[in-house]
Amino acid sequence: FAGVRRLTLGTSFYSGHAGFDTPGVNPRVSISEFDGRYSFRRLDFRGLFAQTWINRTAELNRFLERQTGVNPNVGRQLRGYYAEPAFHLLPRRIGKDLILFGRYERYNTQHRMAPGFVPLPQFDRSSWVTGLTFKPTPDVALKFDYVFNRNRSAVVRAVDGINLGIGWWF
């Protein structure tokens, strides 16, 4: 939807079977998401919410454990979202762009589990991301960000990280 100036909203949905190399277990995976972007002068804001449903995860977990010796603990529902404000630092007349951004992410790949399976707290995570994007042209982006990762586990500590990236539109 782009019917309001400076606002773009979107949604998508997918559903299909995902059994591969798992004879007799062919779970249906359904993914739904809603996203939005808003720009006003030098400020941008974007956000996204996503939900995934996987059926037959109890059978899938048991099958994969028999095959590999390790229980993968696949969740039957996964959920995540993020919100990101950004500010354009350079004047538009320069023709280049330098964007300072921050993002809060929350994601849980074991939001709901099949009966008899317990979610592990290290998969209930959140991140604060801060960084810069430099665009020498509108079609090329050079990115740097630092990620402060957290999870709900008292035993397994989440590791922070640095990301460097190059993107281009062709």
C-alpha atoms as a PDB file:
ATOM      1  CA  PHE A   1       0.000   0.000   0.000  1.00  0.00           C
ATOM      2  CA  ALA A   2       1.418   3.383  -0.987  1.00  0.00           C
ATOM      3  CA  GLY A   3      -1.757   5.519  -0.857  1.00  0.00           C
ATOM      4  CA  VAL A   4      -0.439   7.920   1.798  1.00  0.00           C
ATOM      5  CA  ARG A   5       2.489  10.170   0.940  1.00  0.00           C
ATOM      6  CA  ARG A   6       5.807   9.013   2.455  1.00  0.00           C
ATOM      7  CA  LEU A   7       4.195   5.824   3.875  1.00  0.00           C
ATOM      8  CA  THR A   8       4.553   2.321   2.453  1.00  0.00           C
ATOM      9  CA  LEU A   9       2.901  -0.726   4.004  1.00  0.00           C
ATOM     10  CA  GLY A  10       3.205  -4.327   2.889  1.00  0.00           C
ATOM     11  CA  THR A  11       2.285  -7.824   3.882  1.00  0.00           C
ATOM     12  CA  SER A  12       3.015 -11.273   2.554  1.00  0.00           C
ATOM     13  CA  PHE A  13       2.096 -14.868   3.259  1.00  0.00           C
ATOM     14  CA  TYR A  14       3.619 -18.194   2.246  1.00  0.00           C
ATOM     15  CA  SER A  15       2.548 -21.736   2.967  1.00  0.00           C
ATOM     16  CA  GLY A  16       4.007 -24.977   1.670  1.00  0.00           C
ATOM     17  CA  HIS A  17       5.468 -28.307   2.662  1.00  0.00           C
ATOM     18  CA  ALA A  18       9.099 -28.389   3.717  1.00  0.00           C
ATOM     19  CA  GLY A  19       9.991 -32.054   4.085  1.00  0.00           C
ATOM     20  CA  PHE A  20      13.385 -32.778   2.589  1.00  0.00           C
ATOM     21  CA  ASP A  21      15.255 -35.969   3.262  1.00  0.00           C
ATOM     22  CA  THR A  22      12.688 -36.759   5.988  1.00  0.00           C
ATOM     23  CA  PRO A  23      10.631 -39.697   4.666  1.00  0.00           C
ATOM     24  CA  GLY A  24       7.182 -39.852   6.227  1.00  0.00           C
ATOM     25  CA  VAL A  25       7.486 -36.389   7.786  1.00  0.00           C
ATOM     26  CA  ASN A  26       6.575 -33.495   5.523  1.00  0.00           C
ATOM     27  CA  PRO A  27       5.652 -30.539   7.754  1.00  0.00           C
ATOM     28  CA  ARG A  28       3.697 -27.561   6.463  1.00  0.00           C
ATOM     29  CA  VAL A  29       5.486 -24.255   7.003  1.00  0.00           C
ATOM     30  CA  SER A  30       3.442 -21.050   6.882  1.00  0.00           C
ATOM     31  CA  ILE A  31       4.998 -17.595   7.142  1.00  0.00           C
ATOM     32  CA  SER A  32       3.183 -14.303   7.519  1.00  0.00           C
ATOM     33  CA  GLU A  33       4.703 -10.833   7.768  1.00  0.00           C
ATOM     34  CA  PHE A  34       3.686  -7.199   7.926  1.00  0.00           C
ATOM     35  CA  ASP A  35       6.117  -4.364   7.238  1.00  0.00           C
ATOM     36  CA  GLY A  36       6.053  -0.611   6.953  1.00  0.00           C
ATOM     37  CA  ARG A  37       8.219   2.388   6.078  1.00  0.00           C
ATOM     38  CA  TYR A  38       7.722   6.058   6.683  1.00  0.00           C
ATOM     39  CA  SER A  39       9.981   8.947   5.637  1.00  0.00           C
ATOM     40  CA  PHE A  40       9.783  12.565   6.648  1.00  0.00           C
ATOM     41  CA  ARG A  41      12.522  14.949   5.535  1.00  0.00           C
ATOM     42  CA  ARG A  42      15.796  13.454   6.825  1.00  0.00           C
ATOM     43  CA  LEU A  43      14.170  10.891   9.118  1.00  0.00           C
ATOM     44  CA  ASP A  44      13.204   7.352   8.088  1.00  0.00           C
ATOM     45  CA  PHE A  45      11.383   4.770  10.138  1.00  0.00           C
ATOM     46  CA  ARG A  46      10.794   1.123   9.280  1.00  0.00           C
ATOM     47  CA  GLY A  47       9.462  -1.886  11.082  1.00  0.00           C
ATOM     48  CA  LEU A  48       8.502  -5.498  10.511  1.00  0.00           C
ATOM     49  CA  PHE A  49       6.592  -8.248  12.326  1.00  0.00           C
ATOM     50  CA  ALA A  50       6.868 -11.900  11.219  1.00  0.00           C
ATOM     51  CA  GLN A  51       5.241 -15.114  12.430  1.00  0.00           C
ATOM     52  CA  THR A  52       5.986 -18.676  11.307  1.00  0.00           C
ATOM     53  CA  TRP A  53       3.970 -21.824  11.983  1.00  0.00           C
ATOM     54  CA  ILE A  54       5.369 -25.334  11.464  1.00  0.00           C
ATOM     55  CA  ASN A  55       3.145 -28.374  11.922  1.00  0.00           C
ATOM     56  CA  ARG A  56       4.252 -31.892  12.844  1.00  0.00           C
ATOM     57  CA  THR A  57       7.294 -30.555  14.741  1.00  0.00           C
ATOM     58  CA  ALA A  58       7.130 -33.301  17.383  1.00  0.00           C
ATOM     59  CA  GLU A  59       7.440 -35.949  14.643  1.00  0.00           C
ATOM     60  CA  LEU A  60      10.103 -33.900  12.850  1.00  0.00           C
ATOM     61  CA  ASN A  61      12.175 -33.472  16.032  1.00  0.00           C
ATOM     62  CA  ARG A  62      11.982 -37.206  16.831  1.00  0.00           C
ATOM     63  CA  PHE A  63      12.879 -38.172  13.250  1.00  0.00           C
ATOM     64  CA  LEU A  64      15.879 -35.816  13.110  1.00  0.00           C
ATOM     65  CA  GLU A  65      17.068 -36.970  16.529  1.00  0.00           C
ATOM     66  CA  ARG A  66      17.009 -40.610  15.359  1.00  0.00           C
ATOM     67  CA  GLN A  67      18.851 -39.604  12.169  1.00  0.00           C
ATOM     68  CA  THR A  68      21.540 -37.367  13.721  1.00  0.00           C
ATOM     69  CA  GLY A  69      21.631 -38.293  17.418  1.00  0.00           C
ATOM     70  CA  VAL A  70      20.789 -34.695  18.375  1.00  0.00           C
ATOM     71  CA  ASN A  71      17.351 -33.243  19.096  1.00  0.00           C
ATOM     72  CA  PRO A  72      17.101 -30.061  16.971  1.00  0.00           C
ATOM     73  CA  ASN A  73      14.214 -28.776  19.146  1.00  0.00           C
ATOM     74  CA  VAL A  74      12.410 -27.151  16.186  1.00  0.00           C
ATOM     75  CA  GLY A  75       9.661 -24.842  17.424  1.00  0.00           C
ATOM     76  CA  ARG A  76       6.094 -25.028  16.115  1.00  0.00           C
ATOM     77  CA  GLN A  77       5.840 -21.218  16.172  1.00  0.00           C
ATOM     78  CA  LEU A  78       8.586 -18.668  15.525  1.00  0.00           C
ATOM     79  CA  ARG A  79       8.061 -14.943  16.017  1.00  0.00           C
ATOM     80  CA  GLY A  80      10.075 -11.780  15.529  1.00  0.00           C
ATOM     81  CA  TYR A  81       9.906  -8.071  14.907  1.00  0.00           C
ATOM     82  CA  TYR A  82      12.103  -5.013  14.567  1.00  0.00           C
ATOM     83  CA  ALA A  83      11.814  -1.236  14.628  1.00  0.00           C
ATOM     84  CA  GLU A  84      14.447   1.014  13.044  1.00  0.00           C
ATOM     85  CA  PRO A  85      14.764   4.788  12.972  1.00  0.00           C
ATOM     86  CA  ALA A  86      17.402   6.329  10.700  1.00  0.00           C
ATOM     87  CA  PHE A  87      18.674   9.850  10.066  1.00  0.00           C
ATOM     88  CA  HIS A  88      20.299  11.144   6.842  1.00  0.00           C
ATOM     89  CA  LEU A  89      23.368  13.153   7.923  1.00  0.00           C
ATOM     90  CA  LEU A  90      24.488  14.744   4.623  1.00  0.00           C
ATOM     91  CA  PRO A  91      22.620  17.472   2.714  1.00  0.00           C
ATOM     92  CA  ARG A  92      20.805  16.135  -0.379  1.00  0.00           C
ATOM     93  CA  ARG A  93      22.642  18.537  -2.714  1.00  0.00           C
ATOM     94  CA  ILE A  94      25.898  16.573  -2.200  1.00  0.00           C
ATOM     95  CA  GLY A  95      24.527  13.550  -4.105  1.00  0.00           C
ATOM     96  CA  LYS A  96      25.919  11.092  -1.570  1.00  0.00           C
ATOM     97  CA  ASP A  97      24.190   9.829   1.550  1.00  0.00           C
ATOM     98  CA  LEU A  98      25.401   8.960   5.042  1.00  0.00           C
ATOM     99  CA  ILE A  99      22.712   7.375   7.221  1.00  0.00           C
ATOM    100  CA  LEU A 100      22.948   6.831  10.958  1.00  0.00           C
ATOM    101  CA  PHE A 101      20.573   4.102  12.145  1.00  0.00           C
ATOM    102  CA  GLY A 102      19.565   2.153  15.209  1.00  0.00           C
ATOM    103  CA  ARG A 103      17.409  -0.937  15.336  1.00  0.00           C
ATOM    104  CA  TYR A 104      15.777  -2.989  18.059  1.00  0.00           C
ATOM    105  CA  GLU A 105      15.128  -6.630  17.133  1.00  0.00           C
ATOM    106  CA  ARG A 106      13.257  -9.256  19.113  1.00  0.00           C
ATOM    107  CA  TYR A 107      13.059 -12.831  17.813  1.00  0.00           C
ATOM    108  CA  ASN A 108      12.240 -16.198  19.297  1.00  0.00           C
ATOM    109  CA  THR A 109      12.737 -19.298  17.161  1.00  0.00           C
ATOM    110  CA  GLN A 110      11.041 -21.418  19.833  1.00  0.00           C
ATOM    111  CA  HIS A 111       8.085 -19.148  20.601  1.00  0.00           C
ATOM    112  CA  ARG A 112       5.784 -22.171  20.952  1.00  0.00           C
ATOM    113  CA  MET A 113       6.872 -25.800  21.131  1.00  0.00           C
ATOM    114  CA  ALA A 114       5.113 -29.083  20.439  1.00  0.00           C
ATOM    115  CA  PRO A 115       3.773 -30.824  23.571  1.00  0.00           C
ATOM    116  CA  GLY A 116       6.610 -32.622  25.347  1.00  0.00           C
ATOM    117  CA  PHE A 117       9.322 -30.275  24.028  1.00  0.00           C
ATOM    118  CA  VAL A 118      10.769 -27.449  26.104  1.00  0.00           C
ATOM    119  CA  PRO A 119      11.900 -24.115  24.629  1.00  0.00           C
ATOM    120  CA  LEU A 120      15.535 -23.237  25.287  1.00  0.00           C
ATOM    121  CA  PRO A 121      15.992 -19.685  26.650  1.00  0.00           C
ATOM    122  CA  GLN A 122      19.013 -18.946  24.439  1.00  0.00           C
ATOM    123  CA  PHE A 123      16.682 -18.906  21.404  1.00  0.00           C
ATOM    124  CA  ASP A 124      14.549 -16.107  22.886  1.00  0.00           C
ATOM    125  CA  ARG A 125      16.755 -13.224  21.759  1.00  0.00           C
ATOM    126  CA  SER A 126      16.914  -9.492  21.307  1.00  0.00           C
ATOM    127  CA  SER A 127      19.455  -7.188  19.691  1.00  0.00           C
ATOM    128  CA  TRP A 128      20.272  -3.510  19.636  1.00  0.00           C
ATOM    129  CA  VAL A 129      21.991  -2.597  16.385  1.00  0.00           C
ATOM    130  CA  THR A 130      23.626   0.734  15.650  1.00  0.00           C
ATOM    131  CA  GLY A 131      25.529   1.696  12.555  1.00  0.00           C
ATOM    132  CA  LEU A 132      26.185   3.766   9.474  1.00  0.00           C
ATOM    133  CA  THR A 133      25.324   3.303   5.828  1.00  0.00           C
ATOM    134  CA  PHE A 134      27.277   5.262   3.211  1.00  0.00           C
ATOM    135  CA  LYS A 135      25.791   5.556  -0.275  1.00  0.00           C
ATOM    136  CA  PRO A 136      28.283   6.961  -2.792  1.00  0.00           C
ATOM    137  CA  THR A 137      25.468   6.622  -5.358  1.00  0.00           C
ATOM    138  CA  PRO A 138      21.786   5.780  -4.792  1.00  0.00           C
ATOM    139  CA  ASP A 139      22.414   2.212  -6.040  1.00  0.00           C
ATOM    140  CA  VAL A 140      25.431   1.308  -3.839  1.00  0.00           C
ATOM    141  CA  ALA A 141      25.542   0.951  -0.050  1.00  0.00           C
ATOM    142  CA  LEU A 142      28.507   0.361   2.251  1.00  0.00           C
ATOM    143  CA  LYS A 143      27.379  -0.622   5.733  1.00  0.00           C
ATOM    144  CA  PHE A 144      28.935  -0.936   9.141  1.00  0.00           C
ATOM    145  CA  ASP A 145      27.062  -1.842  12.308  1.00  0.00           C
ATOM    146  CA  TYR A 146      27.661  -3.111  15.804  1.00  0.00           C
ATOM    147  CA  VAL A 147      25.202  -5.566  17.371  1.00  0.00           C
ATOM    148  CA  PHE A 148      24.546  -5.889  21.097  1.00  0.00           C
ATOM    149  CA  ASN A 149      22.964  -9.348  21.423  1.00  0.00           C
ATOM    150  CA  ARG A 150      21.017 -10.614  24.429  1.00  0.00           C
ATOM    151  CA  ASN A 151      19.038 -13.752  25.225  1.00  0.00           C
ATOM    152  CA  ARG A 152      16.985 -15.082  28.128  1.00  0.00           C
ATOM    153  CA  SER A 153      19.499 -17.784  29.079  1.00  0.00           C
ATOM    154  CA  ALA A 154      21.419 -17.553  32.333  1.00  0.00           C
ATOM    155  CA  VAL A 155      23.889 -20.158  31.029  1.00  0.00           C
ATOM    156  CA  VAL A 156      24.521 -19.485  27.320  1.00  0.00           C
ATOM    157  CA  ARG A 157      25.637 -15.892  26.763  1.00  0.00           C
ATOM    158  CA  ALA A 158      24.829 -14.209  23.448  1.00  0.00           C
ATOM    159  CA  VAL A 159      27.874 -12.855  21.619  1.00  0.00           C
ATOM    160  CA  ASP A 160      27.972  -9.273  20.315  1.00  0.00           C
ATOM    161  CA  GLY A 161      29.107  -8.721  16.745  1.00  0.00           C
ATOM    162  CA  ILE A 162      30.371  -6.393  14.053  1.00  0.00           C
ATOM    163  CA  ASN A 163      28.909  -6.485  10.538  1.00  0.00           C
ATOM    164  CA  LEU A 164      30.377  -5.041   7.362  1.00  0.00           C
ATOM    165  CA  GLY A 165      28.402  -5.140   4.148  1.00  0.00           C
ATOM    166  CA  ILE A 166      28.272  -4.018   0.550  1.00  0.00           C
ATOM    167  CA  GLY A 167      24.997  -3.795  -1.328  1.00  0.00           C
ATOM    168  CA  TRP A 168      24.065  -2.689  -4.794  1.00  0.00           C
ATOM    169  CA  TRP A 169      20.963  -2.390  -6.890  1.00  0.00           C
ATOM    170  CA  PHE A 170      21.271  -3.484 -10.497  1.00  0.00           C
END
